[in-house]
Amino acid sequence: MNQETISLPRSRAAIDRLEQAVHRLEGVMGRPRGDLFGHADLSTSAGDYADETTRVVESRLDAVIDRLKTILED
């Protein structure tokens, strides 16, 4: 038996164990295998940040407009 014949079944067993570990992680994390590093979360966070930034800017602009109206009415 040569070294290649010995290592092939060991490699397959190692790959099987890795696949099982990935499936367990998927179950724990509730994410598909392609997103183990949280890319979807990052996209969601970026969208949330943009929405929050828009709300803050809108609020500040409304406050400035209200102050200008008050100044111009006097």
N, C-alpha and C. Protein backbone atom coordinates (compact mmCIF):
# COMPACT_ATOMS: atom_id res chain seq x y z
N MET A 1 0.84 -1.18 0.00
CA MET A 1 0.00 0.00 0.00
C MET A 1 0.89 1.24 0.00
N ASN A 2 0.69 2.12 -0.96
CA ASN A 2 1.51 3.32 -1.00
C ASN A 2 0.88 4.46 -0.19
N GLN A 3 1.61 5.53 -0.03
CA GLN A 3 1.16 6.67 0.79
C GLN A 3 -0.12 7.30 0.24
N GLU A 4 -0.24 7.40 -1.09
CA GLU A 4 -1.42 7.99 -1.70
C GLU A 4 -2.68 7.20 -1.37
N THR A 5 -2.60 5.90 -1.39
CA THR A 5 -3.74 5.04 -1.07
C THR A 5 -4.14 5.20 0.39
N ILE A 6 -3.17 5.37 1.26
CA ILE A 6 -3.46 5.52 2.70
C ILE A 6 -4.10 6.88 2.98
N SER A 7 -3.61 7.94 2.36
CA SER A 7 -4.07 9.28 2.69
C SER A 7 -5.43 9.62 2.06
N LEU A 8 -5.82 8.99 0.98
CA LEU A 8 -7.08 9.31 0.33
C LEU A 8 -8.28 9.08 1.24
N PRO A 9 -8.43 7.93 1.88
CA PRO A 9 -9.56 7.76 2.80
C PRO A 9 -9.50 8.73 3.99
N ARG A 10 -8.29 9.03 4.44
CA ARG A 10 -8.16 9.98 5.55
C ARG A 10 -8.59 11.38 5.11
N SER A 11 -8.28 11.75 3.88
CA SER A 11 -8.70 13.05 3.35
C SER A 11 -10.21 13.12 3.23
N ARG A 12 -10.79 12.05 2.73
CA ARG A 12 -12.26 12.02 2.62
C ARG A 12 -12.93 12.12 3.98
N ALA A 13 -12.36 11.42 4.96
CA ALA A 13 -12.92 11.49 6.31
C ALA A 13 -12.79 12.90 6.87
N ALA A 14 -11.67 13.55 6.61
CA ALA A 14 -11.47 14.91 7.09
C ALA A 14 -12.48 15.86 6.44
N ILE A 15 -12.70 15.70 5.15
CA ILE A 15 -13.68 16.54 4.43
C ILE A 15 -15.08 16.30 4.98
N ASP A 16 -15.42 15.05 5.25
CA ASP A 16 -16.72 14.74 5.83
C ASP A 16 -16.90 15.41 7.18
N ARG A 17 -15.85 15.38 8.01
CA ARG A 17 -15.93 16.03 9.33
C ARG A 17 -16.09 17.54 9.19
N LEU A 18 -15.38 18.13 8.22
CA LEU A 18 -15.52 19.58 7.99
C LEU A 18 -16.93 19.94 7.53
N GLU A 19 -17.49 19.14 6.64
CA GLU A 19 -18.86 19.40 6.17
C GLU A 19 -19.86 19.29 7.32
N GLN A 20 -19.66 18.31 8.19
CA GLN A 20 -20.55 18.16 9.34
C GLN A 20 -20.42 19.37 10.27
N ALA A 21 -19.20 19.85 10.46
CA ALA A 21 -18.99 21.02 11.32
C ALA A 21 -19.66 22.25 10.72
N VAL A 22 -19.57 22.41 9.41
CA VAL A 22 -20.22 23.55 8.75
C VAL A 22 -21.73 23.46 8.91
N HIS A 23 -22.29 22.28 8.76
CA HIS A 23 -23.74 22.12 8.93
C HIS A 23 -24.17 22.43 10.36
N ARG A 24 -23.35 22.03 11.33
CA ARG A 24 -23.68 22.36 12.73
C ARG A 24 -23.64 23.86 12.95
N LEU A 25 -22.63 24.51 12.37
CA LEU A 25 -22.53 25.97 12.50
C LEU A 25 -23.72 26.66 11.84
N GLU A 26 -24.13 26.16 10.69
CA GLU A 26 -25.30 26.72 10.02
C GLU A 26 -26.52 26.65 10.93
N GLY A 27 -26.69 25.52 11.58
CA GLY A 27 -27.83 25.35 12.47
C GLY A 27 -27.79 26.30 13.64
N VAL A 28 -26.61 26.50 14.19
CA VAL A 28 -26.46 27.39 15.34
C VAL A 28 -26.62 28.85 14.93
N MET A 29 -26.05 29.20 13.81
CA MET A 29 -26.05 30.59 13.38
C MET A 29 -27.31 30.97 12.62
N GLY A 30 -28.01 30.01 12.08
CA GLY A 30 -29.22 30.30 11.32
C GLY A 30 -28.94 30.99 10.00
N ARG A 31 -27.78 30.76 9.45
CA ARG A 31 -27.41 31.40 8.19
C ARG A 31 -27.06 30.32 7.17
N PRO A 32 -27.24 30.63 5.89
CA PRO A 32 -26.81 29.69 4.87
C PRO A 32 -25.30 29.59 4.84
N ARG A 33 -24.79 28.49 4.33
CA ARG A 33 -23.35 28.21 4.32
C ARG A 33 -22.56 29.32 3.63
N GLY A 34 -23.09 29.91 2.59
CA GLY A 34 -22.37 30.94 1.86
C GLY A 34 -22.23 32.25 2.62
N ASP A 35 -22.88 32.38 3.76
CA ASP A 35 -22.86 33.64 4.49
C ASP A 35 -22.34 33.47 5.92
N LEU A 36 -21.39 32.59 6.12
CA LEU A 36 -20.88 32.35 7.46
C LEU A 36 -20.14 33.55 8.03
N PHE A 37 -19.68 34.46 7.19
CA PHE A 37 -18.93 35.60 7.67
C PHE A 37 -19.79 36.84 7.87
N GLY A 38 -21.09 36.73 7.75
CA GLY A 38 -21.99 37.82 8.07
C GLY A 38 -22.13 38.89 7.02
N HIS A 39 -21.91 38.55 5.76
CA HIS A 39 -22.03 39.54 4.70
C HIS A 39 -23.45 40.10 4.62
N ALA A 40 -24.43 39.29 4.85
CA ALA A 40 -25.82 39.78 4.82
C ALA A 40 -26.05 40.75 5.96
N ASP A 41 -25.50 40.45 7.13
CA ASP A 41 -25.64 41.37 8.27
C ASP A 41 -24.99 42.70 7.96
N LEU A 42 -23.85 42.67 7.31
CA LEU A 42 -23.15 43.90 6.97
C LEU A 42 -23.97 44.74 6.02
N SER A 43 -24.57 44.12 5.03
CA SER A 43 -25.42 44.85 4.09
C SER A 43 -26.63 45.44 4.80
N THR A 44 -27.22 44.68 5.69
CA THR A 44 -28.37 45.16 6.45
C THR A 44 -27.96 46.32 7.34
N SER A 45 -26.82 46.22 7.99
CA SER A 45 -26.34 47.29 8.85
C SER A 45 -26.07 48.56 8.06
N ALA A 46 -25.48 48.41 6.89
CA ALA A 46 -25.21 49.58 6.05
C ALA A 46 -26.51 50.25 5.64
N GLY A 47 -27.51 49.46 5.30
CA GLY A 47 -28.82 50.02 4.94
C GLY A 47 -29.47 50.72 6.12
N ASP A 48 -29.38 50.10 7.30
CA ASP A 48 -29.93 50.71 8.51
C ASP A 48 -29.23 52.03 8.83
N TYR A 49 -27.90 52.05 8.66
CA TYR A 49 -27.13 53.26 8.93
C TYR A 49 -27.55 54.37 7.97
N ALA A 50 -27.71 54.04 6.70
CA ALA A 50 -28.13 55.04 5.71
C ALA A 50 -29.52 55.57 6.05
N ASP A 51 -30.43 54.69 6.46
CA ASP A 51 -31.77 55.13 6.83
C ASP A 51 -31.73 56.05 8.04
N GLU A 52 -30.94 55.68 9.04
CA GLU A 52 -30.84 56.50 10.25
C GLU A 52 -30.20 57.85 9.94
N THR A 53 -29.18 57.86 9.10
CA THR A 53 -28.53 59.10 8.70
C THR A 53 -29.52 60.01 7.98
N THR A 54 -30.33 59.44 7.12
CA THR A 54 -31.35 60.21 6.41
C THR A 54 -32.33 60.83 7.39
N ARG A 55 -32.76 60.06 8.38
CA ARG A 55 -33.70 60.59 9.38
C ARG A 55 -33.09 61.73 10.19
N VAL A 56 -31.82 61.60 10.56
CA VAL A 56 -31.16 62.64 11.35
C VAL A 56 -31.03 63.93 10.53
N VAL A 57 -30.60 63.79 9.29
CA VAL A 57 -30.44 64.96 8.42
C VAL A 57 -31.80 65.62 8.19
N GLU A 58 -32.82 64.81 7.93
CA GLU A 58 -34.16 65.36 7.72
C GLU A 58 -34.64 66.12 8.95
N SER A 59 -34.39 65.57 10.12
CA SER A 59 -34.80 66.22 11.36
C SER A 59 -34.08 67.55 11.56
N ARG A 60 -32.80 67.56 11.29
CA ARG A 60 -32.01 68.80 11.44
C ARG A 60 -32.45 69.86 10.44
N LEU A 61 -32.71 69.44 9.22
CA LEU A 61 -33.18 70.40 8.21
C LEU A 61 -34.54 70.97 8.59
N ASP A 62 -35.43 70.13 9.09
CA ASP A 62 -36.73 70.62 9.54
C ASP A 62 -36.58 71.64 10.66
N ALA A 63 -35.66 71.39 11.58
CA ALA A 63 -35.42 72.32 12.69
C ALA A 63 -34.90 73.66 12.17
N VAL A 64 -33.98 73.61 11.22
CA VAL A 64 -33.44 74.85 10.64
C VAL A 64 -34.53 75.61 9.91
N ILE A 65 -35.35 74.93 9.15
CA ILE A 65 -36.45 75.57 8.43
C ILE A 65 -37.42 76.23 9.40
N ASP A 66 -37.74 75.52 10.49
CA ASP A 66 -38.64 76.10 11.50
C ASP A 66 -38.03 77.35 12.12
N ARG A 67 -36.74 77.33 12.42
CA ARG A 67 -36.08 78.53 12.98
C ARG A 67 -36.09 79.68 11.99
N LEU A 68 -35.82 79.38 10.71
CA LEU A 68 -35.84 80.44 9.70
C LEU A 68 -37.23 81.04 9.55
N LYS A 69 -38.27 80.23 9.61
CA LYS A 69 -39.65 80.73 9.53
C LYS A 69 -39.92 81.66 10.71
N THR A 70 -39.46 81.24 11.90
CA THR A 70 -39.68 82.05 13.09
C THR A 70 -38.97 83.39 12.97
N ILE A 71 -37.75 83.36 12.49
CA ILE A 71 -36.97 84.60 12.31
C ILE A 71 -37.62 85.51 11.28
N LEU A 72 -38.06 84.94 10.17
CA LEU A 72 -38.67 85.75 9.11
C LEU A 72 -40.03 86.30 9.49
N GLU A 73 -40.74 85.63 10.37
CA GLU A 73 -42.06 86.12 10.80
C GLU A 73 -41.93 87.30 11.75
N ASP A 74 -40.80 87.39 12.45
CA ASP A 74 -40.62 88.51 13.40
C ASP A 74 -40.28 89.76 12.74
